[in-house]
Amino acid sequence: MTTIERPASAETESAWREAGRAWEHAATDWAFLFEPYARDAVETVFDLAGVGPGTELLDVACGSGLAVSRAERLGATTSGIDAAEGLIEIAERRAPQSELMAGDMFALPWADDSFDVVTSFNGIWGGCDDAVAEMARVLRPGGLAAITFWGRSSELDLRDFFIVLGTAEAQVGEELMDLAQIGRPGVAEAMFDAAGLDVVTRGTTAARFEFPDDDIAWRALRSPGVAAPSLAAVGEDELRSRVLDAVAPFRAGDGSYVLQNELTHLITRLPG
């Protein structure tokens, strides 16, 4: 796979490295306690996209390698990029045959027309139009670009958890509101249309979280990058109390938790 130099301004590089530090603040907990929520979505998207031997695939915002490791096992030639070096280190252990690197999804270091399939599992949010354009640039004509994002708020047991993060730190709240715009009808389709990609299909999968007790629930829910600024703002003990209160309705009598959520997937094609 041909990589290229994509010089970035100091401001741009600082932004993605700052995001990476947030997303690796609890990298191991994220990888093993939180990221598995996307497993069903990965399986569904790869099945719809026909990922298998001969597929050259890039996963954008690849996290700790859940998707690239699955694509690798399916026989695809796989690459991935994420801002968090700590997550890339875990991904390299999970997907040792993949080309993985820490970097900026808004300036992908691959040449035009490099991949058959480009995916991003909850890595493309509202305001990421330039990242979608980069996905289209590295995609071969006729290739598929696919993303997932959180579905309807009425089908999101994590809704109050996100509200807690937003109220704990004002900037997080503003960013979450902006980023969540992709869940509004037609927003994701418009982003991909602007990048020259045609919608193939849109659907949903379930994203289920199961935690045996309060301690594991807290370790999982504090691990996303969006939690890091809220932790810094109010402290570990205060945020733990607020978060566990938010998910208390999903706590069973034995102390375990089950949270059901809806993930939307959008699959598009580059004409060719």
C-alpha atoms as a PDB file:
ATOM      1  CA  MET A   1       0.000   0.000   0.000  1.00  0.00           C
ATOM      2  CA  THR A   2       1.405   3.393  -0.982  1.00  0.00           C
ATOM      3  CA  THR A   3       1.678   5.933   1.807  1.00  0.00           C
ATOM      4  CA  ILE A   4       2.369   9.579   1.142  1.00  0.00           C
ATOM      5  CA  GLU A   5       3.558  12.553   3.118  1.00  0.00           C
ATOM      6  CA  ARG A   6       0.670  14.845   4.102  1.00  0.00           C
ATOM      7  CA  PRO A   7       2.301  17.842   5.788  1.00  0.00           C
ATOM      8  CA  ALA A   8       0.069  19.331   8.457  1.00  0.00           C
ATOM      9  CA  SER A   9       0.121  22.732  10.080  1.00  0.00           C
ATOM     10  CA  ALA A  10       1.241  22.919  13.694  1.00  0.00           C
ATOM     11  CA  GLU A  11      -2.333  23.784  14.673  1.00  0.00           C
ATOM     12  CA  THR A  12      -3.796  20.762  12.876  1.00  0.00           C
ATOM     13  CA  GLU A  13      -1.220  18.373  14.281  1.00  0.00           C
ATOM     14  CA  SER A  14      -1.765  19.734  17.775  1.00  0.00           C
ATOM     15  CA  ALA A  15      -5.529  19.161  17.446  1.00  0.00           C
ATOM     16  CA  TRP A  16      -5.348  15.497  16.474  1.00  0.00           C
ATOM     17  CA  ARG A  17      -2.625  14.745  18.998  1.00  0.00           C
ATOM     18  CA  GLU A  18      -4.722  16.358  21.750  1.00  0.00           C
ATOM     19  CA  ALA A  19      -7.674  14.201  20.704  1.00  0.00           C
ATOM     20  CA  GLY A  20      -5.413  11.168  20.746  1.00  0.00           C
ATOM     21  CA  ARG A  21      -4.269  11.855  24.296  1.00  0.00           C
ATOM     22  CA  ALA A  22      -7.892  12.028  25.420  1.00  0.00           C
ATOM     23  CA  TRP A  23      -8.792   8.747  23.733  1.00  0.00           C
ATOM     24  CA  GLU A  24      -5.828   6.877  25.192  1.00  0.00           C
ATOM     25  CA  HIS A  25      -6.323   8.036  28.786  1.00  0.00           C
ATOM     26  CA  ALA A  26      -7.788   4.614  29.629  1.00  0.00           C
ATOM     27  CA  ALA A  27      -6.793   2.665  26.524  1.00  0.00           C
ATOM     28  CA  THR A  28      -6.952  -0.852  27.980  1.00  0.00           C
ATOM     29  CA  ASP A  29     -10.367  -0.336  29.578  1.00  0.00           C
ATOM     30  CA  TRP A  30     -11.673   1.159  26.323  1.00  0.00           C
ATOM     31  CA  ALA A  31     -10.354  -1.775  24.283  1.00  0.00           C
ATOM     32  CA  PHE A  32     -11.725  -4.562  26.454  1.00  0.00           C
ATOM     33  CA  LEU A  33     -14.729  -3.057  28.264  1.00  0.00           C
ATOM     34  CA  PHE A  34     -16.224  -0.476  25.874  1.00  0.00           C
ATOM     35  CA  GLU A  35     -15.182  -1.018  22.252  1.00  0.00           C
ATOM     36  CA  PRO A  36     -16.806  -4.495  21.936  1.00  0.00           C
ATOM     37  CA  TYR A  37     -20.188  -2.725  21.715  1.00  0.00           C
ATOM     38  CA  ALA A  38     -19.545  -2.352  17.958  1.00  0.00           C
ATOM     39  CA  ARG A  39     -18.993  -6.056  17.246  1.00  0.00           C
ATOM     40  CA  ASP A  40     -22.426  -6.688  15.679  1.00  0.00           C
ATOM     41  CA  ALA A  41     -22.131  -3.527  13.575  1.00  0.00           C
ATOM     42  CA  VAL A  42     -18.692  -4.586  12.303  1.00  0.00           C
ATOM     43  CA  GLU A  43     -20.010  -8.007  11.310  1.00  0.00           C
ATOM     44  CA  THR A  44     -23.038  -6.493   9.565  1.00  0.00           C
ATOM     45  CA  VAL A  45     -21.092  -3.855   7.646  1.00  0.00           C
ATOM     46  CA  PHE A  46     -18.393  -6.298   6.544  1.00  0.00           C
ATOM     47  CA  ASP A  47     -21.027  -8.770   5.378  1.00  0.00           C
ATOM     48  CA  LEU A  48     -22.894  -6.097   3.384  1.00  0.00           C
ATOM     49  CA  ALA A  49     -19.621  -4.800   1.914  1.00  0.00           C
ATOM     50  CA  GLY A  50     -18.409  -8.274   0.968  1.00  0.00           C
ATOM     51  CA  VAL A  51     -15.153  -7.957   2.919  1.00  0.00           C
ATOM     52  CA  GLY A  52     -12.945 -11.009   2.408  1.00  0.00           C
ATOM     53  CA  PRO A  53      -9.892 -12.310   0.558  1.00  0.00           C
ATOM     54  CA  GLY A  54      -8.703  -9.775  -1.990  1.00  0.00           C
ATOM     55  CA  THR A  55     -10.345  -6.783  -0.259  1.00  0.00           C
ATOM     56  CA  GLU A  56      -8.029  -3.899   0.537  1.00  0.00           C
ATOM     57  CA  LEU A  57      -9.617  -2.164   3.514  1.00  0.00           C
ATOM     58  CA  LEU A  58      -8.894   0.950   5.565  1.00  0.00           C
ATOM     59  CA  ASP A  59     -10.531   1.575   8.931  1.00  0.00           C
ATOM     60  CA  VAL A  60     -10.525   5.248   9.948  1.00  0.00           C
ATOM     61  CA  ALA A  61     -10.446   6.035  13.684  1.00  0.00           C
ATOM     62  CA  CYS A  62      -9.663   2.351  14.113  1.00  0.00           C
ATOM     63  CA  GLY A  63      -9.337   2.522  17.889  1.00  0.00           C
ATOM     64  CA  SER A  64      -7.813  -0.590  19.418  1.00  0.00           C
ATOM     65  CA  GLY A  65      -8.367  -2.678  16.312  1.00  0.00           C
ATOM     66  CA  LEU A  66     -11.748  -4.349  16.732  1.00  0.00           C
ATOM     67  CA  ALA A  67     -12.633  -3.903  13.056  1.00  0.00           C
ATOM     68  CA  VAL A  68      -9.215  -4.347  11.438  1.00  0.00           C
ATOM     69  CA  SER A  69      -8.586  -7.547  13.377  1.00  0.00           C
ATOM     70  CA  ARG A  70     -11.913  -8.946  12.159  1.00  0.00           C
ATOM     71  CA  ALA A  71     -11.197  -7.909   8.558  1.00  0.00           C
ATOM     72  CA  GLU A  72      -7.750  -9.472   8.810  1.00  0.00           C
ATOM     73  CA  ARG A  73      -9.288 -12.776   9.933  1.00  0.00           C
ATOM     74  CA  LEU A  74     -11.682 -12.593   6.975  1.00  0.00           C
ATOM     75  CA  GLY A  75      -8.659 -12.519   4.660  1.00  0.00           C
ATOM     76  CA  ALA A  76      -8.634  -8.823   3.751  1.00  0.00           C
ATOM     77  CA  THR A  77      -5.500  -6.719   3.426  1.00  0.00           C
ATOM     78  CA  THR A  78      -6.024  -4.187   6.165  1.00  0.00           C
ATOM     79  CA  SER A  79      -4.861  -0.736   7.250  1.00  0.00           C
ATOM     80  CA  GLY A  80      -5.969   1.542  10.065  1.00  0.00           C
ATOM     81  CA  ILE A  81      -5.368   4.981  11.493  1.00  0.00           C
ATOM     82  CA  ASP A  82      -6.264   6.537  14.831  1.00  0.00           C
ATOM     83  CA  ALA A  83      -5.199   9.650  16.723  1.00  0.00           C
ATOM     84  CA  ALA A  84      -4.446   7.677  19.907  1.00  0.00           C
ATOM     85  CA  GLU A  85      -1.040   6.004  19.937  1.00  0.00           C
ATOM     86  CA  GLY A  86      -2.049   3.995  22.998  1.00  0.00           C
ATOM     87  CA  LEU A  87      -4.962   2.444  21.105  1.00  0.00           C
ATOM     88  CA  ILE A  88      -2.795   1.757  18.055  1.00  0.00           C
ATOM     89  CA  GLU A  89      -0.400  -0.216  20.272  1.00  0.00           C
ATOM     90  CA  ILE A  90      -3.265  -2.523  21.277  1.00  0.00           C
ATOM     91  CA  ALA A  91      -4.492  -2.727  17.669  1.00  0.00           C
ATOM     92  CA  GLU A  92      -1.038  -3.844  16.534  1.00  0.00           C
ATOM     93  CA  ARG A  93      -1.220  -6.804  18.911  1.00  0.00           C
ATOM     94  CA  ARG A  94      -4.723  -7.687  17.753  1.00  0.00           C
ATOM     95  CA  ALA A  95      -4.025  -7.312  14.027  1.00  0.00           C
ATOM     96  CA  PRO A  96      -0.313  -8.044  13.498  1.00  0.00           C
ATOM     97  CA  GLN A  97      -0.612  -8.265   9.695  1.00  0.00           C
ATOM     98  CA  SER A  98      -2.249  -4.845   9.346  1.00  0.00           C
ATOM     99  CA  GLU A  99      -0.635  -1.529   8.456  1.00  0.00           C
ATOM    100  CA  LEU A 100      -1.535   0.645  11.444  1.00  0.00           C
ATOM    101  CA  MET A 101      -0.468   4.133  12.409  1.00  0.00           C
ATOM    102  CA  ALA A 102      -1.258   7.084  14.631  1.00  0.00           C
ATOM    103  CA  GLY A 103      -2.338  10.049  12.554  1.00  0.00           C
ATOM    104  CA  ASP A 104      -4.951  12.518  11.426  1.00  0.00           C
ATOM    105  CA  MET A 105      -8.121  11.269   9.752  1.00  0.00           C
ATOM    106  CA  PHE A 106      -8.466  14.680   8.111  1.00  0.00           C
ATOM    107  CA  ALA A 107      -5.188  14.132   6.210  1.00  0.00           C
ATOM    108  CA  LEU A 108      -4.928  10.419   5.463  1.00  0.00           C
ATOM    109  CA  PRO A 109      -1.369   9.376   4.553  1.00  0.00           C
ATOM    110  CA  TRP A 110      -2.387   7.146   1.650  1.00  0.00           C
ATOM    111  CA  ALA A 111      -2.453   7.862  -2.056  1.00  0.00           C
ATOM    112  CA  ASP A 112      -5.629   8.393  -4.073  1.00  0.00           C
ATOM    113  CA  ASP A 113      -7.515   5.228  -5.112  1.00  0.00           C
ATOM    114  CA  SER A 114      -5.782   2.978  -2.567  1.00  0.00           C
ATOM    115  CA  PHE A 115      -8.646   0.949  -1.080  1.00  0.00           C
ATOM    116  CA  ASP A 116     -11.684  -1.107  -2.061  1.00  0.00           C
ATOM    117  CA  VAL A 117     -13.489  -0.452   1.242  1.00  0.00           C
ATOM    118  CA  VAL A 118     -13.066   2.367   3.765  1.00  0.00           C
ATOM    119  CA  THR A 119     -14.895   2.151   7.090  1.00  0.00           C
ATOM    120  CA  SER A 120     -15.236   4.130  10.299  1.00  0.00           C
ATOM    121  CA  PHE A 121     -17.119   2.737  13.275  1.00  0.00           C
ATOM    122  CA  ASN A 122     -18.377   5.697  15.303  1.00  0.00           C
ATOM    123  CA  GLY A 123     -15.325   7.712  14.279  1.00  0.00           C
ATOM    124  CA  ILE A 124     -17.137  10.052  11.850  1.00  0.00           C
ATOM    125  CA  TRP A 125     -19.457  12.467  13.669  1.00  0.00           C
ATOM    126  CA  GLY A 126     -21.157  15.721  12.808  1.00  0.00           C
ATOM    127  CA  GLY A 127     -18.681  18.260  11.468  1.00  0.00           C
ATOM    128  CA  CYS A 128     -16.340  15.609  10.036  1.00  0.00           C
ATOM    129  CA  ASP A 129     -17.114  16.494   6.415  1.00  0.00           C
ATOM    130  CA  ASP A 130     -13.422  16.843   5.542  1.00  0.00           C
ATOM    131  CA  ALA A 131     -12.723  13.366   6.920  1.00  0.00           C
ATOM    132  CA  VAL A 132     -15.476  11.965   4.691  1.00  0.00           C
ATOM    133  CA  ALA A 133     -13.843  13.721   1.722  1.00  0.00           C
ATOM    134  CA  GLU A 134     -10.559  12.007   2.648  1.00  0.00           C
ATOM    135  CA  MET A 135     -12.328   8.631   2.782  1.00  0.00           C
ATOM    136  CA  ALA A 136     -13.616   9.265  -0.735  1.00  0.00           C
ATOM    137  CA  ARG A 137     -10.185  10.360  -1.974  1.00  0.00           C
ATOM    138  CA  VAL A 138      -8.433   7.134  -0.977  1.00  0.00           C
ATOM    139  CA  LEU A 139     -11.305   4.971  -2.237  1.00  0.00           C
ATOM    140  CA  ARG A 140     -11.106   3.336  -5.650  1.00  0.00           C
ATOM    141  CA  PRO A 141     -13.902   4.000  -8.160  1.00  0.00           C
ATOM    142  CA  GLY A 142     -16.688   1.544  -7.432  1.00  0.00           C
ATOM    143  CA  GLY A 143     -15.455   1.088  -3.868  1.00  0.00           C
ATOM    144  CA  LEU A 144     -17.542   1.312  -0.702  1.00  0.00           C
ATOM    145  CA  ALA A 145     -17.336   3.731   2.220  1.00  0.00           C
ATOM    146  CA  ALA A 146     -19.242   2.816   5.369  1.00  0.00           C
ATOM    147  CA  ILE A 147     -19.717   4.408   8.781  1.00  0.00           C
ATOM    148  CA  THR A 148     -21.703   3.794  11.938  1.00  0.00           C
ATOM    149  CA  PHE A 149     -23.016   6.309  14.459  1.00  0.00           C
ATOM    150  CA  TRP A 150     -25.363   6.320  17.426  1.00  0.00           C
ATOM    151  CA  GLY A 151     -28.991   5.932  16.417  1.00  0.00           C
ATOM    152  CA  ARG A 152     -32.202   7.430  17.755  1.00  0.00           C
ATOM    153  CA  SER A 153     -31.963   8.894  21.254  1.00  0.00           C
ATOM    154  CA  SER A 154     -35.139   7.013  22.176  1.00  0.00           C
ATOM    155  CA  GLU A 155     -33.183   3.799  21.545  1.00  0.00           C
ATOM    156  CA  LEU A 156     -30.058   4.896  23.420  1.00  0.00           C
ATOM    157  CA  ASP A 157     -29.667   3.728  27.024  1.00  0.00           C
ATOM    158  CA  LEU A 158     -26.402   5.701  27.077  1.00  0.00           C
ATOM    159  CA  ARG A 159     -28.266   8.971  26.509  1.00  0.00           C
ATOM    160  CA  ASP A 160     -28.193  10.146  30.140  1.00  0.00           C
ATOM    161  CA  PHE A 161     -24.544   9.117  30.415  1.00  0.00           C
ATOM    162  CA  PHE A 162     -23.664  11.478  27.567  1.00  0.00           C
ATOM    163  CA  ILE A 163     -25.763  14.200  29.191  1.00  0.00           C
ATOM    164  CA  VAL A 164     -23.762  13.783  32.415  1.00  0.00           C
ATOM    165  CA  LEU A 165     -20.489  14.224  30.521  1.00  0.00           C
ATOM    166  CA  GLY A 166     -21.847  17.329  28.829  1.00  0.00           C
ATOM    167  CA  THR A 167     -23.086  18.962  32.021  1.00  0.00           C
ATOM    168  CA  ALA A 168     -19.836  18.199  33.872  1.00  0.00           C
ATOM    169  CA  GLU A 169     -17.752  20.170  31.371  1.00  0.00           C
ATOM    170  CA  ALA A 170     -19.309  22.916  29.241  1.00  0.00           C
ATOM    171  CA  GLN A 171     -17.073  22.488  26.190  1.00  0.00           C
ATOM    172  CA  VAL A 172     -17.770  18.740  26.152  1.00  0.00           C
ATOM    173  CA  GLY A 173     -21.484  19.500  26.130  1.00  0.00           C
ATOM    174  CA  GLU A 174     -21.125  21.844  23.169  1.00  0.00           C
ATOM    175  CA  GLU A 175     -18.960  19.373  21.265  1.00  0.00           C
ATOM    176  CA  LEU A 176     -21.312  16.462  21.932  1.00  0.00           C
ATOM    177  CA  MET A 177     -24.258  18.492  20.665  1.00  0.00           C
ATOM    178  CA  ASP A 178     -22.362  19.370  17.480  1.00  0.00           C
ATOM    179  CA  LEU A 179     -21.020  15.867  16.933  1.00  0.00           C
ATOM    180  CA  ALA A 180     -24.404  14.242  17.530  1.00  0.00           C
ATOM    181  CA  GLN A 181     -25.866  16.144  14.573  1.00  0.00           C
ATOM    182  CA  ILE A 182     -24.921  13.229  12.318  1.00  0.00           C
ATOM    183  CA  GLY A 183     -27.807  11.294  13.873  1.00  0.00           C
ATOM    184  CA  ARG A 184     -30.371  13.732  12.490  1.00  0.00           C
ATOM    185  CA  PRO A 185     -32.222  12.451   9.385  1.00  0.00           C
ATOM    186  CA  GLY A 186     -30.362  13.195   6.175  1.00  0.00           C
ATOM    187  CA  VAL A 187     -27.252  14.735   7.750  1.00  0.00           C
ATOM    188  CA  ALA A 188     -24.942  11.776   7.144  1.00  0.00           C
ATOM    189  CA  GLU A 189     -26.307  11.300   3.635  1.00  0.00           C
ATOM    190  CA  ALA A 190     -25.617  14.956   2.837  1.00  0.00           C
ATOM    191  CA  MET A 191     -22.019  14.640   4.062  1.00  0.00           C
ATOM    192  CA  PHE A 192     -21.376  11.682   1.778  1.00  0.00           C
ATOM    193  CA  ASP A 193     -23.210  13.230  -1.149  1.00  0.00           C
ATOM    194  CA  ALA A 194     -20.965  16.281  -0.872  1.00  0.00           C
ATOM    195  CA  ALA A 195     -17.951  13.967  -1.113  1.00  0.00           C
ATOM    196  CA  GLY A 196     -19.323  12.380  -4.306  1.00  0.00           C
ATOM    197  CA  LEU A 197     -20.496   9.149  -2.685  1.00  0.00           C
ATOM    198  CA  ASP A 198     -23.862   7.537  -3.439  1.00  0.00           C
ATOM    199  CA  VAL A 199     -25.890   5.899  -0.676  1.00  0.00           C
ATOM    200  CA  VAL A 200     -26.242   2.138  -1.055  1.00  0.00           C
ATOM    201  CA  THR A 201     -28.074   1.282   2.147  1.00  0.00           C
ATOM    202  CA  ARG A 202     -28.861   2.502   5.637  1.00  0.00           C
ATOM    203  CA  GLY A 203     -29.817   0.275   8.554  1.00  0.00           C
ATOM    204  CA  THR A 204     -29.397  -0.397  12.259  1.00  0.00           C
ATOM    205  CA  THR A 205     -27.771  -2.913  14.571  1.00  0.00           C
ATOM    206  CA  ALA A 206     -27.866  -3.391  18.321  1.00  0.00           C
ATOM    207  CA  ALA A 207     -25.043  -2.231  20.591  1.00  0.00           C
ATOM    208  CA  ARG A 208     -25.278  -3.973  23.949  1.00  0.00           C
ATOM    209  CA  PHE A 209     -23.206  -3.228  27.043  1.00  0.00           C
ATOM    210  CA  GLU A 210     -23.052  -5.720  29.918  1.00  0.00           C
ATOM    211  CA  PHE A 211     -21.177  -5.014  33.152  1.00  0.00           C
ATOM    212  CA  PRO A 212     -21.076  -7.331  36.184  1.00  0.00           C
ATOM    213  CA  ASP A 213     -20.884  -4.609  38.840  1.00  0.00           C
ATOM    214  CA  ASP A 214     -20.440  -0.914  39.601  1.00  0.00           C
ATOM    215  CA  ASP A 215     -16.650  -0.988  39.390  1.00  0.00           C
ATOM    216  CA  ILE A 216     -16.527  -2.508  35.909  1.00  0.00           C
ATOM    217  CA  ALA A 217     -19.360  -0.253  34.720  1.00  0.00           C
ATOM    218  CA  TRP A 218     -17.433   2.788  35.897  1.00  0.00           C
ATOM    219  CA  ARG A 219     -14.137   1.652  34.355  1.00  0.00           C
ATOM    220  CA  ALA A 220     -15.889   1.126  31.037  1.00  0.00           C
ATOM    221  CA  LEU A 221     -17.862   4.360  31.036  1.00  0.00           C
ATOM    222  CA  ARG A 222     -14.913   6.547  32.060  1.00  0.00           C
ATOM    223  CA  SER A 223     -12.762   5.148  29.221  1.00  0.00           C
ATOM    224  CA  PRO A 224     -14.037   7.021  26.096  1.00  0.00           C
ATOM    225  CA  GLY A 225     -12.057  10.080  25.108  1.00  0.00           C
ATOM    226  CA  VAL A 226     -15.088  12.324  25.594  1.00  0.00           C
ATOM    227  CA  ALA A 227     -14.992  11.480  29.312  1.00  0.00           C
ATOM    228  CA  ALA A 228     -11.451  12.749  29.849  1.00  0.00           C
ATOM    229  CA  PRO A 229     -12.262  16.503  30.028  1.00  0.00           C
ATOM    230  CA  SER A 230     -15.218  15.832  32.337  1.00  0.00           C
ATOM    231  CA  LEU A 231     -12.961  13.801  34.642  1.00  0.00           C
ATOM    232  CA  ALA A 232     -10.515  16.685  34.761  1.00  0.00           C
ATOM    233  CA  ALA A 233     -13.309  19.170  35.449  1.00  0.00           C
ATOM    234  CA  VAL A 234     -15.103  17.527  38.386  1.00  0.00           C
ATOM    235  CA  GLY A 235     -12.801  14.729  39.546  1.00  0.00           C
ATOM    236  CA  GLU A 236     -12.983  10.958  39.649  1.00  0.00           C
ATOM    237  CA  ASP A 237     -15.302  10.492  42.635  1.00  0.00           C
ATOM    238  CA  GLU A 238     -17.848  13.131  41.594  1.00  0.00           C
ATOM    239  CA  LEU A 239     -18.069  11.972  37.986  1.00  0.00           C
ATOM    240  CA  ARG A 240     -18.339   8.324  39.054  1.00  0.00           C
ATOM    241  CA  SER A 241     -21.291   9.185  41.268  1.00  0.00           C
ATOM    242  CA  ARG A 242     -23.045  11.117  38.487  1.00  0.00           C
ATOM    243  CA  VAL A 243     -22.408   8.449  35.854  1.00  0.00           C
ATOM    244  CA  LEU A 244     -23.589   5.548  37.989  1.00  0.00           C
ATOM    245  CA  ASP A 245     -26.728   7.517  38.888  1.00  0.00           C
ATOM    246  CA  ALA A 246     -27.354   8.033  35.164  1.00  0.00           C
ATOM    247  CA  VAL A 247     -27.188   4.314  34.377  1.00  0.00           C
ATOM    248  CA  ALA A 248     -28.917   3.149  37.581  1.00  0.00           C
ATOM    249  CA  PRO A 249     -32.177   2.347  35.730  1.00  0.00           C
ATOM    250  CA  PHE A 250     -30.305  -0.419  33.907  1.00  0.00           C
ATOM    251  CA  ARG A 251     -28.917  -2.038  37.059  1.00  0.00           C
ATOM    252  CA  ALA A 252     -30.387  -5.416  37.964  1.00  0.00           C
ATOM    253  CA  GLY A 253     -30.987  -6.726  41.459  1.00  0.00           C
ATOM    254  CA  ASP A 254     -27.697  -8.649  41.426  1.00  0.00           C
ATOM    255  CA  GLY A 255     -25.766  -5.441  40.701  1.00  0.00           C
ATOM    256  CA  SER A 256     -25.107  -6.138  37.030  1.00  0.00           C
ATOM    257  CA  TYR A 257     -25.929  -3.806  34.159  1.00  0.00           C
ATOM    258  CA  VAL A 258     -27.374  -4.254  30.669  1.00  0.00           C
ATOM    259  CA  LEU A 259     -27.622  -1.194  28.400  1.00  0.00           C
ATOM    260  CA  GLN A 260     -29.267  -1.518  24.989  1.00  0.00           C
ATOM    261  CA  ASN A 261     -28.459   0.951  22.226  1.00  0.00           C
ATOM    262  CA  GLU A 262     -29.066   1.403  18.528  1.00  0.00           C
ATOM    263  CA  LEU A 263     -26.267   1.915  16.011  1.00  0.00           C
ATOM    264  CA  THR A 264     -27.013   3.238  12.533  1.00  0.00           C
ATOM    265  CA  HIS A 265     -24.859   2.154   9.598  1.00  0.00           C
ATOM    266  CA  LEU A 266     -24.598   3.970   6.290  1.00  0.00           C
ATOM    267  CA  ILE A 267     -22.938   2.321   3.298  1.00  0.00           C
ATOM    268  CA  THR A 268     -22.078   4.366   0.219  1.00  0.00           C
ATOM    269  CA  ARG A 269     -20.343   3.809  -3.113  1.00  0.00           C
ATOM    270  CA  LEU A 270     -17.917   5.901  -5.136  1.00  0.00           C
ATOM    271  CA  PRO A 271     -19.181   5.904  -8.743  1.00  0.00           C
ATOM    272  CA  GLY A 272     -16.775   4.438 -11.219  1.00  0.00           C
END
